[in-house]
């Protein structure tokens, strides 16, 4: 038996799951924002006078690897259903 809609209320999820779900959402947001900002670049540097800023972006494979590790950490919280 899986979780019902009522069981997915945020305040009823264990703190460990809440943290992992938040981390996964942040990772997906960062991935999407980086794709838009970088347009396929791996890094960007800016310089104006004495001020310099550099940004590096993860590859799509790096984002997927991080997502896979977060999902693997959540796997132990799955409920198995009898078929």
Protein backbone atom coordinates (compact mmCIF):
# COMPACT_ATOMS: atom_id res chain seq x y z
CA UNK A 1 0.00 0.00 0.00
CA UNK A 2 1.39 3.42 -0.94
CA UNK A 3 0.91 6.80 0.67
CA UNK A 4 -2.50 8.41 0.41
CA UNK A 5 -2.89 12.10 -0.43
CA UNK A 6 -3.56 12.86 3.24
CA UNK A 7 -0.31 11.17 4.28
CA UNK A 8 1.70 13.46 2.00
CA UNK A 9 0.94 16.52 4.10
CA UNK A 10 4.30 18.17 4.78
CA UNK A 11 3.85 18.24 8.54
CA UNK A 12 3.38 14.45 8.66
CA UNK A 13 6.50 13.55 6.70
CA UNK A 14 9.57 12.62 8.73
CA UNK A 15 12.15 15.41 8.93
CA UNK A 16 14.69 13.35 6.96
CA UNK A 17 12.29 13.06 4.04
CA UNK A 18 11.41 16.76 4.20
CA UNK A 19 15.10 17.69 3.97
CA UNK A 20 15.76 15.35 1.05
CA UNK A 21 12.69 16.55 -0.84
CA UNK A 22 13.81 20.15 -0.30
CA UNK A 23 17.32 19.33 -1.49
CA UNK A 24 15.96 17.56 -4.57
CA UNK A 25 13.69 20.51 -5.42
CA UNK A 26 16.62 22.93 -5.00
CA UNK A 27 18.81 20.76 -7.21
CA UNK A 28 16.21 20.66 -9.97
CA UNK A 29 15.74 24.42 -9.69
CA UNK A 30 19.51 25.00 -9.91
CA UNK A 31 19.74 22.67 -12.90
CA UNK A 32 16.98 24.47 -14.77
CA UNK A 33 18.31 27.94 -13.89
CA UNK A 34 21.83 26.96 -14.96
CA UNK A 35 20.57 25.63 -18.28
CA UNK A 36 18.83 28.94 -18.96
CA UNK A 37 21.71 31.11 -17.76
CA UNK A 38 24.55 29.15 -19.28
CA UNK A 39 22.90 28.11 -22.54
CA UNK A 40 25.20 25.09 -22.64
CA UNK A 41 28.31 26.75 -21.23
CA UNK A 42 30.36 25.10 -18.49
CA UNK A 43 31.57 28.39 -16.99
CA UNK A 44 31.25 32.15 -17.41
CA UNK A 45 33.51 34.97 -16.20
CA UNK A 46 32.76 38.66 -15.87
CA UNK A 47 35.19 41.49 -15.27
CA UNK A 48 34.53 45.19 -14.82
CA UNK A 49 37.43 47.28 -13.60
CA UNK A 50 38.87 45.64 -10.49
CA UNK A 51 35.80 43.45 -9.91
CA UNK A 52 35.72 39.94 -11.33
CA UNK A 53 33.13 37.18 -10.98
CA UNK A 54 33.18 33.62 -12.25
CA UNK A 55 30.38 31.07 -12.37
CA UNK A 56 30.76 27.37 -13.05
CA UNK A 57 27.91 25.09 -14.01
CA UNK A 58 27.54 21.37 -13.51
CA UNK A 59 27.02 19.16 -16.53
CA UNK A 60 23.61 17.50 -17.02
CA UNK A 61 25.23 14.21 -15.98
CA UNK A 62 26.48 15.80 -12.74
CA UNK A 63 22.97 17.06 -11.90
CA UNK A 64 21.52 13.63 -12.65
CA UNK A 65 24.15 11.95 -10.45
CA UNK A 66 23.28 14.25 -7.54
CA UNK A 67 19.56 13.63 -8.07
CA UNK A 68 20.12 9.87 -8.17
CA UNK A 69 22.03 9.99 -4.87
CA UNK A 70 19.24 12.00 -3.21
CA UNK A 71 16.59 9.61 -4.50
CA UNK A 72 18.64 6.61 -3.33
CA UNK A 73 18.72 8.12 0.16
CA UNK A 74 14.90 8.27 0.09
CA UNK A 75 14.48 4.69 -1.14
CA UNK A 76 14.47 3.24 2.37
CA UNK A 77 11.30 5.21 3.15
CA UNK A 78 9.29 3.54 0.38
CA UNK A 79 6.43 1.37 1.38
CA UNK A 80 6.23 -1.95 -0.37
CA UNK A 81 2.85 -3.08 -1.57
CA UNK A 82 1.68 -6.65 -1.84
CA UNK A 83 0.55 -7.37 -5.38
